[in-house]
PDB file of all heavy atoms in Angstrom:
ATOM      1  N   ASP A   1      10.416 -83.022 -40.791  1.00  0.00           N
ATOM      2  CA  ASP A   1      11.598 -83.385 -41.537  1.00  0.00           C
ATOM      3  C   ASP A   1      11.227 -84.153 -42.836  1.00  0.00           C
ATOM      4  O   ASP A   1      10.216 -84.893 -42.891  1.00  0.00           O
ATOM      5  CB  ASP A   1      12.510 -84.328 -40.672  1.00  0.00           C
ATOM      6  CG  ASP A   1      13.036 -83.688 -39.407  1.00  0.00           C
ATOM      7  OD1 ASP A   1      13.900 -82.799 -39.581  1.00  0.00           O
ATOM      8  OD2 ASP A   1      12.551 -84.024 -38.361  1.00  0.00           O
ATOM      9  N   TRP A   2      12.088 -83.944 -43.855  1.00  0.00           N
ATOM     10  CA  TRP A   2      11.947 -84.706 -45.131  1.00  0.00           C
ATOM     11  C   TRP A   2      12.834 -85.895 -45.120  1.00  0.00           C
ATOM     12  O   TRP A   2      13.973 -85.924 -44.517  1.00  0.00           O
ATOM     13  CB  TRP A   2      12.419 -83.832 -46.273  1.00  0.00           C
ATOM     14  CG  TRP A   2      11.482 -82.712 -46.728  1.00  0.00           C
ATOM     15  CD1 TRP A   2      11.475 -81.443 -46.233  1.00  0.00           C
ATOM     16  CD2 TRP A   2      10.419 -82.734 -47.678  1.00  0.00           C
ATOM     17  NE1 TRP A   2      10.546 -80.693 -46.849  1.00  0.00           N
ATOM     18  CE2 TRP A   2       9.837 -81.456 -47.760  1.00  0.00           C
ATOM     19  CE3 TRP A   2       9.930 -83.776 -48.507  1.00  0.00           C
ATOM     20  CZ2 TRP A   2       8.812 -81.155 -48.610  1.00  0.00           C
ATOM     21  CZ3 TRP A   2       8.860 -83.468 -49.349  1.00  0.00           C
ATOM     22  CH2 TRP A   2       8.326 -82.139 -49.413  1.00  0.00           C
ATOM     23  N   ASP A   3      12.431 -86.971 -45.798  1.00  0.00           N
ATOM     24  CA  ASP A   3      13.343 -88.067 -46.024  1.00  0.00           C
ATOM     25  C   ASP A   3      14.296 -87.716 -47.188  1.00  0.00           C
ATOM     26  O   ASP A   3      14.110 -86.703 -47.874  1.00  0.00           O
ATOM     27  CB  ASP A   3      12.566 -89.367 -46.345  1.00  0.00           C
ATOM     28  CG  ASP A   3      12.052 -89.475 -47.725  1.00  0.00           C
ATOM     29  OD1 ASP A   3      11.703 -88.400 -48.279  1.00  0.00           O
ATOM     30  OD2 ASP A   3      12.012 -90.552 -48.290  1.00  0.00           O
ATOM     31  N   VAL A   4      15.376 -88.502 -47.373  1.00  0.00           N
ATOM     32  CA  VAL A   4      16.405 -88.147 -48.350  1.00  0.00           C
ATOM     33  C   VAL A   4      15.883 -88.159 -49.763  1.00  0.00           C
ATOM     34  O   VAL A   4      16.448 -87.573 -50.650  1.00  0.00           O
ATOM     35  CB  VAL A   4      17.628 -89.108 -48.215  1.00  0.00           C
ATOM     36  CG1 VAL A   4      18.349 -88.852 -46.889  1.00  0.00           C
ATOM     37  CG2 VAL A   4      17.275 -90.564 -48.390  1.00  0.00           C
ATOM     38  N   ARG A   5      14.772 -88.873 -50.039  1.00  0.00           N
ATOM     39  CA  ARG A   5      14.241 -89.004 -51.392  1.00  0.00           C
ATOM     40  C   ARG A   5      13.295 -87.834 -51.699  1.00  0.00           C
ATOM     41  O   ARG A   5      12.923 -87.584 -52.897  1.00  0.00           O
ATOM     42  CB  ARG A   5      13.503 -90.294 -51.594  1.00  0.00           C
ATOM     43  CG  ARG A   5      14.329 -91.542 -51.394  1.00  0.00           C
ATOM     44  CD  ARG A   5      13.436 -92.799 -51.422  1.00  0.00           C
ATOM     45  NE  ARG A   5      12.294 -92.686 -50.448  1.00  0.00           N
ATOM     46  CZ  ARG A   5      11.072 -92.919 -50.743  1.00  0.00           C
ATOM     47  NH1 ARG A   5      10.727 -93.300 -52.013  1.00  0.00           N
ATOM     48  NH2 ARG A   5      10.140 -92.859 -49.834  1.00  0.00           N
ATOM     49  N   GLY A   6      12.907 -87.095 -50.678  1.00  0.00           N
ATOM     50  CA  GLY A   6      11.951 -85.984 -50.879  1.00  0.00           C
ATOM     51  C   GLY A   6      10.539 -86.547 -51.168  1.00  0.00           C
ATOM     52  O   GLY A   6       9.729 -85.808 -51.778  1.00  0.00           O
ATOM     53  N   LYS A   7      10.249 -87.773 -50.655  1.00  0.00           N
ATOM     54  CA  LYS A   7       8.941 -88.392 -50.896  1.00  0.00           C
ATOM     55  C   LYS A   7       8.126 -88.573 -49.680  1.00  0.00           C
ATOM     56  O   LYS A   7       6.994 -88.974 -49.706  1.00  0.00           O
ATOM     57  CB  LYS A   7       9.174 -89.774 -51.610  1.00  0.00           C
ATOM     58  CG  LYS A   7       9.900 -89.746 -52.897  1.00  0.00           C
ATOM     59  CD  LYS A   7       9.091 -89.090 -53.964  1.00  0.00           C
ATOM     60  CE  LYS A   7       9.737 -89.190 -55.363  1.00  0.00           C
ATOM     61  NZ  LYS A   7       8.959 -88.543 -56.370  1.00  0.00           N
ATOM     62  N   LEU A   8       8.737 -88.260 -48.465  1.00  0.00           N
ATOM     63  CA  LEU A   8       8.036 -88.481 -47.227  1.00  0.00           C
ATOM     64  C   LEU A   8       8.287 -87.378 -46.194  1.00  0.00           C
ATOM     65  O   LEU A   8       9.438 -86.917 -46.197  1.00  0.00           O
ATOM     66  CB  LEU A   8       8.464 -89.865 -46.667  1.00  0.00           C
ATOM     67  CG  LEU A   8       7.734 -90.405 -45.479  1.00  0.00           C
ATOM     68  CD1 LEU A   8       6.290 -90.803 -45.891  1.00  0.00           C
ATOM     69  CD2 LEU A   8       8.444 -91.605 -44.911  1.00  0.00           C
ATOM     70  N   LEU A   9       7.304 -87.045 -45.430  1.00  0.00           N
ATOM     71  CA  LEU A   9       7.493 -86.027 -44.398  1.00  0.00           C
ATOM     72  C   LEU A   9       7.205 -86.714 -43.071  1.00  0.00           C
ATOM     73  O   LEU A   9       6.228 -87.386 -42.869  1.00  0.00           O
ATOM     74  CB  LEU A   9       6.521 -84.896 -44.567  1.00  0.00           C
ATOM     75  CG  LEU A   9       6.903 -83.762 -45.501  1.00  0.00           C
ATOM     76  CD1 LEU A   9       5.706 -82.792 -45.704  1.00  0.00           C
ATOM     77  CD2 LEU A   9       8.077 -82.938 -44.909  1.00  0.00           C
ATOM     78  N   GLN A  10       8.043 -86.415 -42.072  1.00  0.00           N
ATOM     79  CA  GLN A  10       7.754 -86.842 -40.686  1.00  0.00           C
ATOM     80  C   GLN A  10       7.381 -85.533 -39.892  1.00  0.00           C
ATOM     81  O   GLN A  10       7.989 -84.504 -40.016  1.00  0.00           O
ATOM     82  CB  GLN A  10       9.081 -87.358 -40.069  1.00  0.00           C
ATOM     83  CG  GLN A  10       8.966 -87.601 -38.580  1.00  0.00           C
ATOM     84  CD  GLN A  10      10.262 -88.159 -38.014  1.00  0.00           C
ATOM     85  OE1 GLN A  10      10.269 -89.073 -37.245  1.00  0.00           O
ATOM     86  NE2 GLN A  10      11.399 -87.493 -38.281  1.00  0.00           N
ATOM     87  N   VAL A  11       6.273 -85.723 -39.133  1.00  0.00           N
ATOM     88  CA  VAL A  11       5.688 -84.549 -38.442  1.00  0.00           C
ATOM     89  C   VAL A  11       5.471 -84.899 -37.012  1.00  0.00           C
ATOM     90  O   VAL A  11       5.022 -86.023 -36.653  1.00  0.00           O
ATOM     91  CB  VAL A  11       4.354 -84.144 -39.114  1.00  0.00           C
ATOM     92  CG1 VAL A  11       3.596 -83.117 -38.306  1.00  0.00           C
ATOM     93  CG2 VAL A  11       4.580 -83.618 -40.506  1.00  0.00           C
ATOM     94  N   ASN A  12       5.826 -83.958 -36.118  1.00  0.00           N
ATOM     95  CA  ASN A  12       5.507 -84.072 -34.670  1.00  0.00           C
ATOM     96  C   ASN A  12       4.394 -83.043 -34.356  1.00  0.00           C
ATOM     97  O   ASN A  12       4.339 -81.965 -34.967  1.00  0.00           O
ATOM     98  CB  ASN A  12       6.670 -83.741 -33.795  1.00  0.00           C
ATOM     99  CG  ASN A  12       7.758 -84.807 -33.811  1.00  0.00           C
ATOM    100  OD1 ASN A  12       8.778 -84.697 -33.196  1.00  0.00           O
ATOM    101  ND2 ASN A  12       7.525 -85.910 -34.574  1.00  0.00           N
ATOM    102  N   THR A  13       3.504 -83.356 -33.387  1.00  0.00           N
ATOM    103  CA  THR A  13       2.452 -82.451 -33.068  1.00  0.00           C
ATOM    104  C   THR A  13       2.438 -82.194 -31.555  1.00  0.00           C
ATOM    105  O   THR A  13       3.097 -82.880 -30.775  1.00  0.00           O
ATOM    106  CB  THR A  13       1.044 -83.011 -33.438  1.00  0.00           C
ATOM    107  OG1 THR A  13       0.656 -84.012 -32.483  1.00  0.00           O
ATOM    108  CG2 THR A  13       1.058 -83.568 -34.837  1.00  0.00           C
ATOM    109  N   GLY A  14       1.681 -81.188 -31.112  1.00  0.00           N
ATOM    110  CA  GLY A  14       1.592 -80.841 -29.733  1.00  0.00           C
ATOM    111  C   GLY A  14       0.810 -81.859 -28.943  1.00  0.00           C
ATOM    112  O   GLY A  14       0.824 -81.833 -27.654  1.00  0.00           O
ATOM    113  N   ALA A  15       0.173 -82.809 -29.606  1.00  0.00           N
ATOM    114  CA  ALA A  15      -0.482 -83.887 -28.901  1.00  0.00           C
ATOM    115  C   ALA A  15       0.424 -85.119 -28.815  1.00  0.00           C
ATOM    116  O   ALA A  15      -0.052 -86.208 -28.488  1.00  0.00           O
ATOM    117  CB  ALA A  15      -1.752 -84.312 -29.649  1.00  0.00           C
ATOM    118  N   LYS A  16       1.731 -84.929 -28.997  1.00  0.00           N
ATOM    119  CA  LYS A  16       2.761 -85.980 -28.902  1.00  0.00           C
ATOM    120  C   LYS A  16       2.539 -87.105 -29.959  1.00  0.00           C
ATOM    121  O   LYS A  16       2.658 -88.266 -29.648  1.00  0.00           O
ATOM    122  CB  LYS A  16       2.804 -86.583 -27.506  1.00  0.00           C
ATOM    123  CG  LYS A  16       4.247 -86.906 -27.118  1.00  0.00           C
ATOM    124  CD  LYS A  16       4.335 -87.231 -25.586  1.00  0.00           C
ATOM    125  CE  LYS A  16       5.754 -87.489 -25.208  1.00  0.00           C
ATOM    126  NZ  LYS A  16       5.955 -87.703 -23.746  1.00  0.00           N
ATOM    127  N   GLU A  17       2.146 -86.648 -31.140  1.00  0.00           N
ATOM    128  CA  GLU A  17       1.945 -87.606 -32.272  1.00  0.00           C
ATOM    129  C   GLU A  17       3.144 -87.511 -33.192  1.00  0.00           C
ATOM    130  O   GLU A  17       3.682 -86.434 -33.479  1.00  0.00           O
ATOM    131  CB  GLU A  17       0.703 -87.199 -33.079  1.00  0.00           C
ATOM    132  CG  GLU A  17      -0.608 -87.220 -32.282  1.00  0.00           C
ATOM    133  CD  GLU A  17      -1.688 -86.527 -33.138  1.00  0.00           C
ATOM    134  OE1 GLU A  17      -1.490 -85.386 -33.556  1.00  0.00           O
ATOM    135  OE2 GLU A  17      -2.743 -87.164 -33.283  1.00  0.00           O
ATOM    136  N   GLN A  18       3.584 -88.719 -33.684  1.00  0.00           N
ATOM    137  CA  GLN A  18       4.539 -88.776 -34.729  1.00  0.00           C
ATOM    138  C   GLN A  18       3.843 -89.300 -35.975  1.00  0.00           C
ATOM    139  O   GLN A  18       3.445 -90.426 -35.967  1.00  0.00           O
ATOM    140  CB  GLN A  18       5.738 -89.733 -34.323  1.00  0.00           C
ATOM    141  CG  GLN A  18       6.780 -89.824 -35.376  1.00  0.00           C
ATOM    142  CD  GLN A  18       7.819 -90.939 -35.052  1.00  0.00           C
ATOM    143  OE1 GLN A  18       7.516 -91.870 -34.374  1.00  0.00           O
ATOM    144  NE2 GLN A  18       9.046 -90.737 -35.564  1.00  0.00           N
ATOM    145  N   LEU A  19       3.696 -88.437 -36.947  1.00  0.00           N
ATOM    146  CA  LEU A  19       2.887 -88.756 -38.139  1.00  0.00           C
ATOM    147  C   LEU A  19       3.772 -88.763 -39.387  1.00  0.00           C
ATOM    148  O   LEU A  19       4.821 -88.090 -39.416  1.00  0.00           O
ATOM    149  CB  LEU A  19       1.749 -87.748 -38.303  1.00  0.00           C
ATOM    150  CG  LEU A  19       0.827 -87.525 -37.104  1.00  0.00           C
ATOM    151  CD1 LEU A  19      -0.178 -86.485 -37.371  1.00  0.00           C
ATOM    152  CD2 LEU A  19       0.098 -88.891 -36.780  1.00  0.00           C
ATOM    153  N   PHE A  20       3.296 -89.477 -40.418  1.00  0.00           N
ATOM    154  CA  PHE A  20       4.048 -89.513 -41.707  1.00  0.00           C
ATOM    155  C   PHE A  20       3.087 -89.270 -42.819  1.00  0.00           C
ATOM    156  O   PHE A  20       1.958 -89.677 -42.848  1.00  0.00           O
ATOM    157  CB  PHE A  20       4.654 -90.981 -41.885  1.00  0.00           C
ATOM    158  CG  PHE A  20       5.601 -91.355 -40.769  1.00  0.00           C
ATOM    159  CD1 PHE A  20       5.161 -92.112 -39.715  1.00  0.00           C
ATOM    160  CD2 PHE A  20       6.934 -90.934 -40.806  1.00  0.00           C
ATOM    161  CE1 PHE A  20       6.039 -92.466 -38.689  1.00  0.00           C
ATOM    162  CE2 PHE A  20       7.831 -91.275 -39.799  1.00  0.00           C
ATOM    163  CZ  PHE A  20       7.395 -92.075 -38.723  1.00  0.00           C
ATOM    164  N   PHE A  21       3.621 -88.449 -43.787  1.00  0.00           N
ATOM    165  CA  PHE A  21       2.793 -88.081 -44.951  1.00  0.00           C
ATOM    166  C   PHE A  21       3.596 -88.286 -46.243  1.00  0.00           C
ATOM    167  O   PHE A  21       4.723 -87.881 -46.325  1.00  0.00           O
ATOM    168  CB  PHE A  21       2.333 -86.615 -44.823  1.00  0.00           C
ATOM    169  CG  PHE A  21       1.393 -86.317 -43.668  1.00  0.00           C
ATOM    170  CD1 PHE A  21       1.964 -85.911 -42.429  1.00  0.00           C
ATOM    171  CD2 PHE A  21       0.080 -86.479 -43.773  1.00  0.00           C
ATOM    172  CE1 PHE A  21       1.193 -85.668 -41.367  1.00  0.00           C
ATOM    173  CE2 PHE A  21      -0.764 -86.248 -42.633  1.00  0.00           C
ATOM    174  CZ  PHE A  21      -0.234 -85.803 -41.444  1.00  0.00           C
ATOM    175  N   GLU A  22       2.876 -88.756 -47.286  1.00  0.00           N
ATOM    176  CA  GLU A  22       3.506 -88.909 -48.570  1.00  0.00           C
ATOM    177  C   GLU A  22       3.568 -87.487 -49.193  1.00  0.00           C
ATOM    178  O   GLU A  22       2.704 -86.678 -49.041  1.00  0.00           O
ATOM    179  CB  GLU A  22       2.640 -89.849 -49.445  1.00  0.00           C
ATOM    180  CG  GLU A  22       3.044 -89.948 -50.869  1.00  0.00           C
ATOM    181  CD  GLU A  22       2.382 -88.922 -51.784  1.00  0.00           C
ATOM    182  OE1 GLU A  22       1.263 -88.485 -51.449  1.00  0.00           O
ATOM    183  OE2 GLU A  22       2.956 -88.591 -52.827  1.00  0.00           O
ATOM    184  N   ALA A  23       4.683 -87.240 -49.852  1.00  0.00           N
ATOM    185  CA  ALA A  23       4.834 -85.937 -50.547  1.00  0.00           C
ATOM    186  C   ALA A  23       4.961 -86.122 -52.064  1.00  0.00           C
ATOM    187  O   ALA A  23       5.524 -87.123 -52.527  1.00  0.00           O
ATOM    188  CB  ALA A  23       6.127 -85.234 -49.976  1.00  0.00           C
ATOM    189  N   PRO A  24       4.441 -85.183 -52.784  1.00  0.00           N
ATOM    190  CA  PRO A  24       3.967 -83.895 -52.442  1.00  0.00           C
ATOM    191  C   PRO A  24       2.411 -83.854 -52.162  1.00  0.00           C
ATOM    192  O   PRO A  24       1.930 -82.775 -51.751  1.00  0.00           O
ATOM    193  CB  PRO A  24       4.252 -83.035 -53.597  1.00  0.00           C
ATOM    194  CG  PRO A  24       4.122 -83.929 -54.804  1.00  0.00           C
ATOM    195  CD  PRO A  24       4.605 -85.276 -54.300  1.00  0.00           C
ATOM    196  N   ARG A  25       1.673 -84.921 -52.332  1.00  0.00           N
ATOM    197  CA  ARG A  25       0.231 -84.800 -52.226  1.00  0.00           C
ATOM    198  C   ARG A  25      -0.220 -84.635 -50.768  1.00  0.00           C
ATOM    199  O   ARG A  25      -1.332 -84.136 -50.512  1.00  0.00           O
ATOM    200  CB  ARG A  25      -0.434 -86.053 -52.832  1.00  0.00           C
ATOM    201  CG  ARG A  25      -0.152 -86.174 -54.317  1.00  0.00           C
ATOM    202  CD  ARG A  25      -0.619 -84.930 -55.083  1.00  0.00           C
ATOM    203  NE  ARG A  25      -0.226 -84.926 -56.445  1.00  0.00           N
ATOM    204  CZ  ARG A  25      -0.311 -83.916 -57.295  1.00  0.00           C
ATOM    205  NH1 ARG A  25      -0.731 -82.700 -56.773  1.00  0.00           N
ATOM    206  NH2 ARG A  25       0.042 -83.974 -58.590  1.00  0.00           N
ATOM    207  N   GLY A  26       0.552 -85.201 -49.817  1.00  0.00           N
ATOM    208  CA  GLY A  26       0.165 -85.079 -48.415  1.00  0.00           C
ATOM    209  C   GLY A  26      -0.701 -86.170 -47.869  1.00  0.00           C
ATOM    210  O   GLY A  26      -1.340 -86.010 -46.794  1.00  0.00           O
ATOM    211  N   LYS A  27      -0.742 -87.320 -48.509  1.00  0.00           N
ATOM    212  CA  LYS A  27      -1.530 -88.427 -48.060  1.00  0.00           C
ATOM    213  C   LYS A  27      -0.917 -89.047 -46.798  1.00  0.00           C
ATOM    214  O   LYS A  27       0.289 -89.345 -46.768  1.00  0.00           O
ATOM    215  CB  LYS A  27      -1.700 -89.474 -49.102  1.00  0.00           C
ATOM    216  CG  LYS A  27      -2.641 -90.656 -48.746  1.00  0.00           C
ATOM    217  CD  LYS A  27      -2.723 -91.643 -49.876  1.00  0.00           C
ATOM    218  CE  LYS A  27      -3.642 -92.793 -49.479  1.00  0.00           C
ATOM    219  NZ  LYS A  27      -3.779 -93.780 -50.546  1.00  0.00           N
ATOM    220  N   LYS A  28      -1.736 -89.249 -45.757  1.00  0.00           N
ATOM    221  CA  LYS A  28      -1.203 -89.790 -44.490  1.00  0.00           C
ATOM    222  C   LYS A  28      -0.805 -91.250 -44.678  1.00  0.00           C
ATOM    223  O   LYS A  28      -1.474 -92.061 -45.330  1.00  0.00           O
ATOM    224  CB  LYS A  28      -2.274 -89.728 -43.428  1.00  0.00           C
ATOM    225  CG  LYS A  28      -1.818 -89.928 -42.030  1.00  0.00           C
ATOM    226  CD  LYS A  28      -2.933 -89.726 -41.029  1.00  0.00           C
ATOM    227  CE  LYS A  28      -2.395 -89.998 -39.589  1.00  0.00           C
ATOM    228  NZ  LYS A  28      -3.547 -89.740 -38.602  1.00  0.00           N
ATOM    229  N   GLN A  29       0.335 -91.661 -44.113  1.00  0.00           N
ATOM    230  CA  GLN A  29       0.926 -92.975 -44.165  1.00  0.00           C
ATOM    231  C   GLN A  29       1.004 -93.561 -42.793  1.00  0.00           C
ATOM    232  O   GLN A  29       1.299 -92.906 -41.819  1.00  0.00           O
ATOM    233  CB  GLN A  29       2.288 -92.935 -44.827  1.00  0.00           C
ATOM    234  CG  GLN A  29       2.360 -92.245 -46.175  1.00  0.00           C
ATOM    235  CD  GLN A  29       1.667 -93.018 -47.291  1.00  0.00           C
ATOM    236  OE1 GLN A  29       1.942 -94.237 -47.427  1.00  0.00           O
ATOM    237  NE2 GLN A  29       0.800 -92.367 -47.958  1.00  0.00           N
ATOM    238  N   THR A  30       0.662 -94.869 -42.666  1.00  0.00           N
ATOM    239  CA  THR A  30       0.915 -95.583 -41.445  1.00  0.00           C
ATOM    240  C   THR A  30       2.154 -96.464 -41.562  1.00  0.00           C
ATOM    241  O   THR A  30       2.231 -97.363 -42.371  1.00  0.00           O
ATOM    242  CB  THR A  30      -0.281 -96.551 -41.174  1.00  0.00           C
ATOM    243  OG1 THR A  30      -1.468 -95.731 -41.123  1.00  0.00           O
ATOM    244  CG2 THR A  30      -0.179 -97.305 -39.876  1.00  0.00           C
ATOM    245  N   ILE A  31       3.184 -96.065 -40.740  1.00  0.00           N
ATOM    246  CA  ILE A  31       4.437 -96.738 -40.806  1.00  0.00           C
ATOM    247  C   ILE A  31       4.860 -97.222 -39.392  1.00  0.00           C
ATOM    248  O   ILE A  31       4.917 -96.432 -38.450  1.00  0.00           O
ATOM    249  CB  ILE A  31       5.558 -95.768 -41.326  1.00  0.00           C
ATOM    250  CG1 ILE A  31       5.188 -95.190 -42.718  1.00  0.00           C
ATOM    251  CG2 ILE A  31       6.936 -96.430 -41.357  1.00  0.00           C
ATOM    252  CD1 ILE A  31       6.171 -94.206 -43.257  1.00  0.00           C
ATOM    253  N   PRO A  32       5.038 -98.532 -39.258  1.00  0.00           N
ATOM    254  CA  PRO A  32       5.396 -99.106 -37.907  1.00  0.00           C
ATOM    255  C   PRO A  32       6.768 -98.541 -37.500  1.00  0.00           C
ATOM    256  O   PRO A  32       7.589 -98.107 -38.292  1.00  0.00           O
ATOM    257  CB  PRO A  32       5.499-100.599 -38.170  1.00  0.00           C
ATOM    258  CG  PRO A  32       4.692-100.812 -39.434  1.00  0.00           C
ATOM    259  CD  PRO A  32       4.870 -99.558 -40.280  1.00  0.00           C
ATOM    260  N   SER A  33       6.961 -98.487 -36.173  1.00  0.00           N
ATOM    261  CA  SER A  33       8.236 -97.917 -35.626  1.00  0.00           C
ATOM    262  C   SER A  33       9.458 -98.700 -36.174  1.00  0.00           C
ATOM    263  O   SER A  33      10.467 -98.110 -36.487  1.00  0.00           O
ATOM    264  CB  SER A  33       8.214 -98.013 -34.085  1.00  0.00           C
ATOM    265  OG  SER A  33       7.191 -97.267 -33.592  1.00  0.00           O
ATOM    266  N   SER A  34       9.353 -99.986 -36.332  1.00  0.00           N
ATOM    267  CA  SER A  34      10.459-100.810 -36.816  1.00  0.00           C
ATOM    268  C   SER A  34      10.858-100.426 -38.232  1.00  0.00           C
ATOM    269  O   SER A  34      12.022-100.453 -38.593  1.00  0.00           O
ATOM    270  CB  SER A  34      10.114-102.307 -36.752  1.00  0.00           C
ATOM    271  OG  SER A  34       8.926-102.591 -37.505  1.00  0.00           O
ATOM    272  N   GLU A  35       9.857-100.068 -39.003  1.00  0.00           N
ATOM    273  CA  GLU A  35      10.127 -99.638 -40.447  1.00  0.00           C
ATOM    274  C   GLU A  35      10.560 -98.178 -40.460  1.00  0.00           C
ATOM    275  O   GLU A  35      11.408 -97.790 -41.322  1.00  0.00           O
ATOM    276  CB  GLU A  35       8.866 -99.785 -41.265  1.00  0.00           C
ATOM    277  CG  GLU A  35       8.448-101.202 -41.468  1.00  0.00           C
ATOM    278  CD  GLU A  35       9.537-102.073 -42.165  1.00  0.00           C
ATOM    279  OE1 GLU A  35      10.103-101.528 -43.140  1.00  0.00           O
ATOM    280  OE2 GLU A  35       9.730-103.182 -41.789  1.00  0.00           O
ATOM    281  N   ALA A  36      10.036 -97.324 -39.569  1.00  0.00           N
ATOM    282  CA  ALA A  36      10.399 -95.935 -39.574  1.00  0.00           C
ATOM    283  C   ALA A  36      11.887 -95.742 -39.195  1.00  0.00           C
ATOM    284  O   ALA A  36      12.605 -94.815 -39.691  1.00  0.00           O
ATOM    285  CB  ALA A  36       9.586 -95.147 -38.537  1.00  0.00           C
TER     286      ALA A  36
END
């Protein structure tokens, strides 16, 4: 899923990971659950 600004991607994986990436470059972001 994209965020409303088009600057962040939320990704789920088959390993039950919830990951976040900066867009459009794709740099991985660490975001706490409370902030997410």
